[in-house]
């Protein structure tokens, strides 16, 4: 469901934000895994993923996720369109959802 996808994406970007903080503190991979609540095996994957997103981009993605969630819950907009625009926004770091909420 779209709401479940939003929850999963929010968790993913929350993990990336935590990783950024942990890397600034120069935490070990074991500490990163523990504080992020993931298995140590996945830390390197998250480090690779994080190279694609700046802190500002992650913040913009949280706004896009919130906008999509509110739009899905409060309007009769086509969920497929909302999700398509959300994915575009997450990748590009732009607020495309404003187009459908206006």
PDB file of N, CA and C in Angstrom:
ATOM      1  N   UNK A   1       0.842  -1.174   0.000  1.00  0.00           N
ATOM      2  CA  UNK A   1       0.000   0.000   0.000  1.00  0.00           C
ATOM      3  C   UNK A   1       0.895   1.249   0.000  1.00  0.00           C
ATOM      4  N   UNK A   2       0.389   2.352  -0.516  1.00  0.00           N
ATOM      5  CA  UNK A   2       1.179   3.587  -0.524  1.00  0.00           C
ATOM      6  C   UNK A   2       1.623   4.017   0.875  1.00  0.00           C
ATOM      7  N   UNK A   3       0.752   3.870   1.872  1.00  0.00           N
ATOM      8  CA  UNK A   3       1.124   4.289   3.229  1.00  0.00           C
ATOM      9  C   UNK A   3       2.279   3.441   3.763  1.00  0.00           C
ATOM     10  N   UNK A   4       2.264   2.143   3.481  1.00  0.00           N
ATOM     11  CA  UNK A   4       3.347   1.278   3.925  1.00  0.00           C
ATOM     12  C   UNK A   4       4.656   1.654   3.228  1.00  0.00           C
ATOM     13  N   UNK A   5       4.573   1.991   1.963  1.00  0.00           N
ATOM     14  CA  UNK A   5       5.771   2.417   1.235  1.00  0.00           C
ATOM     15  C   UNK A   5       6.344   3.702   1.836  1.00  0.00           C
ATOM     16  N   UNK A   6       5.475   4.619   2.214  1.00  0.00           N
ATOM     17  CA  UNK A   6       5.928   5.868   2.830  1.00  0.00           C
ATOM     18  C   UNK A   6       6.609   5.579   4.170  1.00  0.00           C
ATOM     19  N   UNK A   7       6.043   4.678   4.945  1.00  0.00           N
ATOM     20  CA  UNK A   7       6.653   4.300   6.223  1.00  0.00           C
ATOM     21  C   UNK A   7       8.044   3.715   5.996  1.00  0.00           C
ATOM     22  N   UNK A   8       8.167   2.823   5.031  1.00  0.00           N
ATOM     23  CA  UNK A   8       9.452   2.182   4.761  1.00  0.00           C
ATOM     24  C   UNK A   8      10.486   3.189   4.254  1.00  0.00           C
ATOM     25  N   UNK A   9      10.064   4.093   3.388  1.00  0.00           N
ATOM     26  CA  UNK A   9      10.981   5.114   2.874  1.00  0.00           C
ATOM     27  C   UNK A   9      11.390   6.086   3.968  1.00  0.00           C
ATOM     28  N   UNK A  10      10.469   6.425   4.851  1.00  0.00           N
ATOM     29  CA  UNK A  10      10.792   7.306   5.971  1.00  0.00           C
ATOM     30  C   UNK A  10      11.826   6.647   6.872  1.00  0.00           C
ATOM     31  N   UNK A  11      11.659   5.382   7.125  1.00  0.00           N
ATOM     32  CA  UNK A  11      12.650   4.639   7.939  1.00  0.00           C
ATOM     33  C   UNK A  11      14.013   4.657   7.259  1.00  0.00           C
ATOM     34  N   UNK A  12      14.041   4.422   5.962  1.00  0.00           N
ATOM     35  CA  UNK A  12      15.297   4.413   5.218  1.00  0.00           C
ATOM     36  C   UNK A  12      16.015   5.760   5.345  1.00  0.00           C
ATOM     37  N   UNK A  13      15.289   6.852   5.119  1.00  0.00           N
ATOM     38  CA  UNK A  13      15.925   8.167   5.193  1.00  0.00           C
ATOM     39  C   UNK A  13      16.269   8.557   6.633  1.00  0.00           C
ATOM     40  N   UNK A  14      15.525   8.055   7.601  1.00  0.00           N
ATOM     41  CA  UNK A  14      15.880   8.266   9.005  1.00  0.00           C
ATOM     42  C   UNK A  14      17.216   7.590   9.299  1.00  0.00           C
ATOM     43  N   UNK A  15      17.391   6.381   8.772  1.00  0.00           N
ATOM     44  CA  UNK A  15      18.654   5.665   8.955  1.00  0.00           C
ATOM     45  C   UNK A  15      19.810   6.424   8.307  1.00  0.00           C
ATOM     46  N   UNK A  16      19.583   6.973   7.119  1.00  0.00           N
ATOM     47  CA  UNK A  16      20.636   7.741   6.454  1.00  0.00           C
ATOM     48  C   UNK A  16      21.000   8.989   7.258  1.00  0.00           C
ATOM     49  N   UNK A  17      19.998   9.640   7.831  1.00  0.00           N
ATOM     50  CA  UNK A  17      20.262  10.827   8.653  1.00  0.00           C
ATOM     51  C   UNK A  17      21.075  10.441   9.891  1.00  0.00           C
ATOM     52  N   UNK A  18      20.704   9.339  10.538  1.00  0.00           N
ATOM     53  CA  UNK A  18      21.456   8.868  11.701  1.00  0.00           C
ATOM     54  C   UNK A  18      22.891   8.542  11.304  1.00  0.00           C
ATOM     55  N   UNK A  19      23.046   7.902  10.157  1.00  0.00           N
ATOM     56  CA  UNK A  19      24.375   7.532   9.689  1.00  0.00           C
ATOM     57  C   UNK A  19      25.253   8.767   9.507  1.00  0.00           C
ATOM     58  N   UNK A  20      24.684   9.819   8.958  1.00  0.00           N
ATOM     59  CA  UNK A  20      25.447  11.055   8.785  1.00  0.00           C
ATOM     60  C   UNK A  20      25.962  11.591  10.105  1.00  0.00           C
ATOM     61  N   UNK A  21      25.117  11.574  11.121  1.00  0.00           N
ATOM     62  CA  UNK A  21      25.528  12.028  12.454  1.00  0.00           C
ATOM     63  C   UNK A  21      26.618  11.125  13.023  1.00  0.00           C
ATOM     64  N   UNK A  22      26.453   9.835  12.851  1.00  0.00           N
ATOM     65  CA  UNK A  22      27.428   8.885  13.387  1.00  0.00           C
ATOM     66  C   UNK A  22      28.770   9.000  12.680  1.00  0.00           C
ATOM     67  N   UNK A  23      28.747   9.258  11.397  1.00  0.00           N
ATOM     68  CA  UNK A  23      30.004   9.420  10.654  1.00  0.00           C
ATOM     69  C   UNK A  23      30.722  10.688  11.100  1.00  0.00           C
ATOM     70  N   UNK A  24      29.975  11.738  11.408  1.00  0.00           N
ATOM     71  CA  UNK A  24      30.602  12.965  11.914  1.00  0.00           C
ATOM     72  C   UNK A  24      31.286  12.723  13.259  1.00  0.00           C
ATOM     73  N   UNK A  25      30.698  11.846  14.048  1.00  0.00           N
ATOM     74  CA  UNK A  25      31.283  11.502  15.351  1.00  0.00           C
ATOM     75  C   UNK A  25      32.399  10.465  15.219  1.00  0.00           C
ATOM     76  N   UNK A  26      32.622  10.003  13.992  1.00  0.00           N
ATOM     77  CA  UNK A  26      33.641   8.974  13.710  1.00  0.00           C
ATOM     78  C   UNK A  26      33.382   7.683  14.485  1.00  0.00           C
ATOM     79  N   UNK A  27      32.119   7.290  14.530  1.00  0.00           N
ATOM     80  CA  UNK A  27      31.739   6.049  15.202  1.00  0.00           C
ATOM     81  C   UNK A  27      32.235   4.861  14.387  1.00  0.00           C
ATOM     82  N   UNK A  28      32.508   3.761  15.072  1.00  0.00           N
ATOM     83  CA  UNK A  28      32.907   2.538  14.377  1.00  0.00           C
ATOM     84  C   UNK A  28      31.689   1.939  13.670  1.00  0.00           C
ATOM     85  N   UNK A  29      31.953   1.039  12.746  1.00  0.00           N
ATOM     86  CA  UNK A  29      30.833   0.393  12.047  1.00  0.00           C
ATOM     87  C   UNK A  29      29.955  -0.371  13.023  1.00  0.00           C
ATOM     88  N   UNK A  30      30.556  -0.967  14.039  1.00  0.00           N
ATOM     89  CA  UNK A  30      29.785  -1.698  15.052  1.00  0.00           C
ATOM     90  C   UNK A  30      28.866  -0.740  15.819  1.00  0.00           C
ATOM     91  N   UNK A  31      29.402   0.441  16.182  1.00  0.00           N
ATOM     92  CA  UNK A  31      28.585   1.440  16.878  1.00  0.00           C
ATOM     93  C   UNK A  31      27.472   1.940  15.967  1.00  0.00           C
ATOM     94  N   UNK A  32      27.796   2.159  14.684  1.00  0.00           N
ATOM     95  CA  UNK A  32      26.789   2.616  13.728  1.00  0.00           C
ATOM     96  C   UNK A  32      25.646   1.621  13.658  1.00  0.00           C
ATOM     97  N   UNK A  33      25.991   0.358  13.519  1.00  0.00           N
ATOM     98  CA  UNK A  33      24.962  -0.687  13.410  1.00  0.00           C
ATOM     99  C   UNK A  33      24.083  -0.704  14.655  1.00  0.00           C
ATOM    100  N   UNK A  34      24.713  -0.602  15.805  1.00  0.00           N
ATOM    101  CA  UNK A  34      23.966  -0.641  17.055  1.00  0.00           C
ATOM    102  C   UNK A  34      23.012   0.540  17.168  1.00  0.00           C
ATOM    103  N   UNK A  35      23.503   1.753  16.913  1.00  0.00           N
ATOM    104  CA  UNK A  35      22.666   2.945  17.066  1.00  0.00           C
ATOM    105  C   UNK A  35      21.609   3.071  15.971  1.00  0.00           C
ATOM    106  N   UNK A  36      21.907   2.516  14.792  1.00  0.00           N
ATOM    107  CA  UNK A  36      20.938   2.567  13.705  1.00  0.00           C
ATOM    108  C   UNK A  36      19.908   1.444  13.810  1.00  0.00           C
ATOM    109  N   UNK A  37      20.186   0.449  14.637  1.00  0.00           N
ATOM    110  CA  UNK A  37      19.264  -0.671  14.799  1.00  0.00           C
ATOM    111  C   UNK A  37      19.280  -1.619  13.611  1.00  0.00           C
ATOM    112  N   UNK A  38      20.461  -1.758  12.986  1.00  0.00           N
ATOM    113  CA  UNK A  38      20.597  -2.664  11.849  1.00  0.00           C
ATOM    114  C   UNK A  38      21.726  -3.641  12.116  1.00  0.00           C
ATOM    115  N   UNK A  39      21.799  -4.681  11.327  1.00  0.00           N
ATOM    116  CA  UNK A  39      22.898  -5.635  11.451  1.00  0.00           C
ATOM    117  C   UNK A  39      24.168  -5.016  10.881  1.00  0.00           C
ATOM    118  N   UNK A  40      25.310  -5.315  11.473  1.00  0.00           N
ATOM    119  CA  UNK A  40      26.577  -4.744  10.992  1.00  0.00           C
ATOM    120  C   UNK A  40      26.827  -4.988   9.504  1.00  0.00           C
ATOM    121  N   UNK A  41      26.326  -6.087   8.990  1.00  0.00           N
ATOM    122  CA  UNK A  41      26.493  -6.425   7.577  1.00  0.00           C
ATOM    123  C   UNK A  41      25.988  -5.306   6.668  1.00  0.00           C
ATOM    124  N   UNK A  42      24.936  -4.608   7.070  1.00  0.00           N
ATOM    125  CA  UNK A  42      24.292  -3.617   6.216  1.00  0.00           C
ATOM    126  C   UNK A  42      24.901  -2.217   6.300  1.00  0.00           C
ATOM    127  N   UNK A  43      25.806  -1.986   7.229  1.00  0.00           N
ATOM    128  CA  UNK A  43      26.375  -0.650   7.404  1.00  0.00           C
ATOM    129  C   UNK A  43      27.059  -0.166   6.132  1.00  0.00           C
ATOM    130  N   UNK A  44      27.865  -1.007   5.509  1.00  0.00           N
ATOM    131  CA  UNK A  44      28.566  -0.608   4.281  1.00  0.00           C
ATOM    132  C   UNK A  44      27.573  -0.237   3.176  1.00  0.00           C
ATOM    133  N   UNK A  45      26.453  -0.953   3.089  1.00  0.00           N
ATOM    134  CA  UNK A  45      25.436  -0.615   2.092  1.00  0.00           C
ATOM    135  C   UNK A  45      24.847   0.765   2.379  1.00  0.00           C
ATOM    136  N   UNK A  46      24.564   1.051   3.634  1.00  0.00           N
ATOM    137  CA  UNK A  46      24.027   2.363   3.984  1.00  0.00           C
ATOM    138  C   UNK A  46      25.041   3.464   3.703  1.00  0.00           C
ATOM    139  N   UNK A  47      26.322   3.183   3.942  1.00  0.00           N
ATOM    140  CA  UNK A  47      27.355   4.171   3.633  1.00  0.00           C
ATOM    141  C   UNK A  47      27.361   4.457   2.132  1.00  0.00           C
ATOM    142  N   UNK A  48      27.223   3.418   1.328  1.00  0.00           N
ATOM    143  CA  UNK A  48      27.156   3.600  -0.124  1.00  0.00           C
ATOM    144  C   UNK A  48      25.917   4.404  -0.503  1.00  0.00           C
ATOM    145  N   UNK A  49      24.777   4.070   0.078  1.00  0.00           N
ATOM    146  CA  UNK A  49      23.534   4.801  -0.216  1.00  0.00           C
ATOM    147  C   UNK A  49      23.668   6.268   0.181  1.00  0.00           C
ATOM    148  N   UNK A  50      24.311   6.517   1.316  1.00  0.00           N
ATOM    149  CA  UNK A  50      24.390   7.890   1.825  1.00  0.00           C
ATOM    150  C   UNK A  50      25.201   8.801   0.911  1.00  0.00           C
ATOM    151  N   UNK A  51      26.063   8.224   0.102  1.00  0.00           N
ATOM    152  CA  UNK A  51      26.865   9.057  -0.810  1.00  0.00           C
ATOM    153  C   UNK A  51      25.997   9.712  -1.883  1.00  0.00           C
ATOM    154  N   UNK A  52      24.774   9.231  -2.050  1.00  0.00           N
ATOM    155  CA  UNK A  52      23.861   9.787  -3.047  1.00  0.00           C
ATOM    156  C   UNK A  52      22.993  10.924  -2.511  1.00  0.00           C
ATOM    157  N   UNK A  53      23.046  11.171  -1.200  1.00  0.00           N
ATOM    158  CA  UNK A  53      22.138  12.140  -0.590  1.00  0.00           C
ATOM    159  C   UNK A  53      22.888  13.052   0.380  1.00  0.00           C
ATOM    160  N   UNK A  54      22.804  14.346   0.149  1.00  0.00           N
ATOM    161  CA  UNK A  54      23.353  15.302   1.119  1.00  0.00           C
ATOM    162  C   UNK A  54      22.369  15.422   2.286  1.00  0.00           C
ATOM    163  N   UNK A  55      22.814  16.046   3.365  1.00  0.00           N
ATOM    164  CA  UNK A  55      21.933  16.265   4.518  1.00  0.00           C
ATOM    165  C   UNK A  55      20.723  17.106   4.110  1.00  0.00           C
ATOM    166  N   UNK A  56      20.943  18.100   3.255  1.00  0.00           N
ATOM    167  CA  UNK A  56      19.834  18.937   2.776  1.00  0.00           C
ATOM    168  C   UNK A  56      18.850  18.121   1.938  1.00  0.00           C
ATOM    169  N   UNK A  57      19.378  17.250   1.095  1.00  0.00           N
ATOM    170  CA  UNK A  57      18.529  16.401   0.252  1.00  0.00           C
ATOM    171  C   UNK A  57      17.684  15.467   1.123  1.00  0.00           C
ATOM    172  N   UNK A  58      18.288  14.920   2.172  1.00  0.00           N
ATOM    173  CA  UNK A  58      17.541  14.045   3.078  1.00  0.00           C
ATOM    174  C   UNK A  58      16.427  14.841   3.768  1.00  0.00           C
ATOM    175  N   UNK A  59      16.729  16.059   4.182  1.00  0.00           N
ATOM    176  CA  UNK A  59      15.705  16.901   4.814  1.00  0.00           C
ATOM    177  C   UNK A  59      14.563  17.191   3.838  1.00  0.00           C
ATOM    178  N   UNK A  60      14.901  17.496   2.593  1.00  0.00           N
ATOM    179  CA  UNK A  60      13.870  17.723   1.576  1.00  0.00           C
ATOM    180  C   UNK A  60      13.036  16.461   1.369  1.00  0.00           C
ATOM    181  N   UNK A  61      13.673  15.310   1.450  1.00  0.00           N
ATOM    182  CA  UNK A  61      12.941  14.058   1.277  1.00  0.00           C
ATOM    183  C   UNK A  61      11.943  13.824   2.405  1.00  0.00           C
ATOM    184  N   UNK A  62      12.305  14.220   3.621  1.00  0.00           N
ATOM    185  CA  UNK A  62      11.345  14.113   4.724  1.00  0.00           C
ATOM    186  C   UNK A  62      10.125  14.986   4.458  1.00  0.00           C
ATOM    187  N   UNK A  63      10.344  16.182   3.921  1.00  0.00           N
ATOM    188  CA  UNK A  63       9.208  17.061   3.580  1.00  0.00           C
ATOM    189  C   UNK A  63       8.353  16.427   2.485  1.00  0.00           C
ATOM    190  N   UNK A  64       8.995  15.848   1.470  1.00  0.00           N
ATOM    191  CA  UNK A  64       8.257  15.211   0.373  1.00  0.00           C
ATOM    192  C   UNK A  64       7.450  14.022   0.892  1.00  0.00           C
ATOM    193  N   UNK A  65       8.034  13.239   1.799  1.00  0.00           N
ATOM    194  CA  UNK A  65       7.313  12.102   2.375  1.00  0.00           C
ATOM    195  C   UNK A  65       6.107  12.569   3.188  1.00  0.00           C
ATOM    196  N   UNK A  66       6.283  13.631   3.959  1.00  0.00           N
ATOM    197  CA  UNK A  66       5.173  14.180   4.735  1.00  0.00           C
ATOM    198  C   UNK A  66       4.081  14.705   3.810  1.00  0.00           C
ATOM    199  N   UNK A  67       4.472  15.438   2.777  1.00  0.00           N
ATOM    200  CA  UNK A  67       3.492  15.964   1.822  1.00  0.00           C
ATOM    201  C   UNK A  67       2.700  14.828   1.163  1.00  0.00           C
ATOM    202  N   UNK A  68       3.388  13.777   0.781  1.00  0.00           N
ATOM    203  CA  UNK A  68       2.712  12.644   0.143  1.00  0.00           C
ATOM    204  C   UNK A  68       1.749  11.976   1.119  1.00  0.00           C
ATOM    205  N   UNK A  69       2.184  11.796   2.358  1.00  0.00           N
ATOM    206  CA  UNK A  69       1.338  11.168   3.369  1.00  0.00           C
ATOM    207  C   UNK A  69       0.077  11.985   3.601  1.00  0.00           C
ATOM    208  N   UNK A  70       0.239  13.291   3.766  1.00  0.00           N
ATOM    209  CA  UNK A  70      -0.916  14.173   3.985  1.00  0.00           C
ATOM    210  C   UNK A  70      -1.835  14.152   2.769  1.00  0.00           C
ATOM    211  N   UNK A  71      -1.258  14.197   1.578  1.00  0.00           N
ATOM    212  CA  UNK A  71      -2.062  14.190   0.352  1.00  0.00           C
ATOM    213  C   UNK A  71      -2.870  12.908   0.244  1.00  0.00           C
ATOM    214  N   UNK A  72      -2.248  11.778   0.520  1.00  0.00           N
ATOM    215  CA  UNK A  72      -2.963  10.499   0.430  1.00  0.00           C
ATOM    216  C   UNK A  72      -4.089  10.400   1.456  1.00  0.00           C
ATOM    217  N   UNK A  73      -3.874  10.981   2.628  1.00  0.00           N
ATOM    218  CA  UNK A  73      -4.861  10.867   3.702  1.00  0.00           C
ATOM    219  C   UNK A  73      -5.950  11.922   3.642  1.00  0.00           C
ATOM    220  N   UNK A  74      -5.702  13.028   2.948  1.00  0.00           N
ATOM    221  CA  UNK A  74      -6.667  14.122   3.032  1.00  0.00           C
ATOM    222  C   UNK A  74      -7.300  14.521   1.703  1.00  0.00           C
ATOM    223  N   UNK A  75      -6.910  13.869   0.622  1.00  0.00           N
ATOM    224  CA  UNK A  75      -7.498  14.196  -0.682  1.00  0.00           C
ATOM    225  C   UNK A  75      -7.896  12.921  -1.402  1.00  0.00           C
ATOM    226  N   UNK A  76      -8.563  13.098  -2.517  1.00  0.00           N
ATOM    227  CA  UNK A  76      -8.937  11.937  -3.334  1.00  0.00           C
ATOM    228  C   UNK A  76      -8.022  11.814  -4.551  1.00  0.00           C
ATOM    229  N   UNK A  77      -6.813  12.368  -4.454  1.00  0.00           N
ATOM    230  CA  UNK A  77      -5.852  12.289  -5.551  1.00  0.00           C
ATOM    231  C   UNK A  77      -5.526  10.829  -5.856  1.00  0.00           C
ATOM    232  N   UNK A  78      -5.203  10.569  -7.107  1.00  0.00           N
ATOM    233  CA  UNK A  78      -4.828   9.225  -7.526  1.00  0.00           C
ATOM    234  C   UNK A  78      -3.560   8.799  -6.783  1.00  0.00           C
ATOM    235  N   UNK A  79      -3.627   7.725  -5.987  1.00  0.00           N
ATOM    236  CA  UNK A  79      -2.450   7.292  -5.222  1.00  0.00           C
ATOM    237  C   UNK A  79      -1.248   6.966  -6.109  1.00  0.00           C
ATOM    238  N   UNK A  80      -1.490   6.450  -7.302  1.00  0.00           N
ATOM    239  CA  UNK A  80      -0.372   6.144  -8.202  1.00  0.00           C
ATOM    240  C   UNK A  80       0.363   7.418  -8.612  1.00  0.00           C
ATOM    241  N   UNK A  81      -0.382   8.461  -8.889  1.00  0.00           N
ATOM    242  CA  UNK A  81       0.233   9.733  -9.256  1.00  0.00           C
ATOM    243  C   UNK A  81       1.010  10.315  -8.075  1.00  0.00           C
ATOM    244  N   UNK A  82       0.416  10.259  -6.905  1.00  0.00           N
ATOM    245  CA  UNK A  82       1.087  10.770  -5.707  1.00  0.00           C
ATOM    246  C   UNK A  82       2.404  10.027  -5.492  1.00  0.00           C
ATOM    247  N   UNK A  83       2.375   8.715  -5.620  1.00  0.00           N
ATOM    248  CA  UNK A  83       3.581   7.924  -5.399  1.00  0.00           C
ATOM    249  C   UNK A  83       4.611   8.145  -6.506  1.00  0.00           C
ATOM    250  N   UNK A  84       4.170   8.277  -7.742  1.00  0.00           N
ATOM    251  CA  UNK A  84       5.108   8.568  -8.838  1.00  0.00           C
ATOM    252  C   UNK A  84       5.827   9.887  -8.595  1.00  0.00           C
ATOM    253  N   UNK A  85       5.067  10.904  -8.202  1.00  0.00           N
ATOM    254  CA  UNK A  85       5.673  12.204  -7.928  1.00  0.00           C
ATOM    255  C   UNK A  85       6.562  12.165  -6.689  1.00  0.00           C
ATOM    256  N   UNK A  86       6.175  11.364  -5.719  1.00  0.00           N
ATOM    257  CA  UNK A  86       7.003  11.214  -4.524  1.00  0.00           C
ATOM    258  C   UNK A  86       8.358  10.618  -4.890  1.00  0.00           C
ATOM    259  N   UNK A  87       8.357   9.560  -5.653  1.00  0.00           N
ATOM    260  CA  UNK A  87       9.620   8.908  -6.035  1.00  0.00           C
ATOM    261  C   UNK A  87      10.490   9.881  -6.820  1.00  0.00           C
ATOM    262  N   UNK A  88       9.889  10.613  -7.733  1.00  0.00           N
ATOM    263  CA  UNK A  88      10.647  11.617  -8.481  1.00  0.00           C
ATOM    264  C   UNK A  88      11.253  12.649  -7.525  1.00  0.00           C
ATOM    265  N   UNK A  89      10.466  13.095  -6.568  1.00  0.00           N
ATOM    266  CA  UNK A  89      10.940  14.081  -5.599  1.00  0.00           C
ATOM    267  C   UNK A  89      12.081  13.533  -4.759  1.00  0.00           C
ATOM    268  N   UNK A  90      11.990  12.282  -4.353  1.00  0.00           N
ATOM    269  CA  UNK A  90      13.027  11.686  -3.522  1.00  0.00           C
ATOM    270  C   UNK A  90      14.349  11.577  -4.264  1.00  0.00           C
ATOM    271  N   UNK A  91      14.270  11.254  -5.538  1.00  0.00           N
ATOM    272  CA  UNK A  91      15.494  11.090  -6.320  1.00  0.00           C
ATOM    273  C   UNK A  91      16.097  12.433  -6.686  1.00  0.00           C
ATOM    274  N   UNK A  92      15.263  13.362  -7.107  1.00  0.00           N
ATOM    275  CA  UNK A  92      15.749  14.668  -7.571  1.00  0.00           C
ATOM    276  C   UNK A  92      15.915  15.682  -6.456  1.00  0.00           C
ATOM    277  N   UNK A  93      15.290  15.457  -5.320  1.00  0.00           N
ATOM    278  CA  UNK A  93      15.388  16.417  -4.231  1.00  0.00           C
ATOM    279  C   UNK A  93      14.553  17.664  -4.461  1.00  0.00           C
ATOM    280  N   UNK A  94      13.442  17.510  -5.172  1.00  0.00           N
ATOM    281  CA  UNK A  94      12.553  18.643  -5.439  1.00  0.00           C
ATOM    282  C   UNK A  94      11.179  18.362  -4.860  1.00  0.00           C
ATOM    283  N   UNK A  95      10.409  19.391  -4.703  1.00  0.00           N
ATOM    284  CA  UNK A  95       9.064  19.261  -4.123  1.00  0.00           C
ATOM    285  C   UNK A  95       8.022  19.215  -5.230  1.00  0.00           C
ATOM    286  N   UNK A  96       7.934  18.113  -5.915  1.00  0.00           N
ATOM    287  CA  UNK A  96       6.979  17.969  -7.006  1.00  0.00           C
ATOM    288  C   UNK A  96       5.547  17.759  -6.514  1.00  0.00           C
ATOM    289  N   UNK A  97       5.374  17.367  -5.281  1.00  0.00           N
ATOM    290  CA  UNK A  97       4.037  17.100  -4.775  1.00  0.00           C
ATOM    291  C   UNK A  97       3.202  18.364  -4.663  1.00  0.00           C
ATOM    292  N   UNK A  98       3.852  19.502  -4.621  1.00  0.00           N
ATOM    293  CA  UNK A  98       3.103  20.760  -4.582  1.00  0.00           C
ATOM    294  C   UNK A  98       2.207  20.891  -5.802  1.00  0.00           C
ATOM    295  N   UNK A  99       2.603  20.276  -6.897  1.00  0.00           N
ATOM    296  CA  UNK A  99       1.804  20.341  -8.117  1.00  0.00           C
ATOM    297  C   UNK A  99       0.446  19.680  -7.960  1.00  0.00           C
ATOM    298  N   UNK A 100       0.381  18.630  -7.155  1.00  0.00           N
ATOM    299  CA  UNK A 100      -0.886  17.913  -7.049  1.00  0.00           C
ATOM    300  C   UNK A 100      -1.709  18.337  -5.849  1.00  0.00           C
ATOM    301  N   UNK A 101      -1.119  19.087  -4.924  1.00  0.00           N
ATOM    302  CA  UNK A 101      -1.889  19.511  -3.766  1.00  0.00           C
ATOM    303  C   UNK A 101      -2.537  20.866  -3.972  1.00  0.00           C
ATOM    304  N   UNK A 102      -2.156  21.549  -5.035  1.00  0.00           N
ATOM    305  CA  UNK A 102      -2.704  22.872  -5.296  1.00  0.00           C
ATOM    306  C   UNK A 102      -4.113  22.784  -5.851  1.00  0.00           C
TER     307      UNK A 102
END
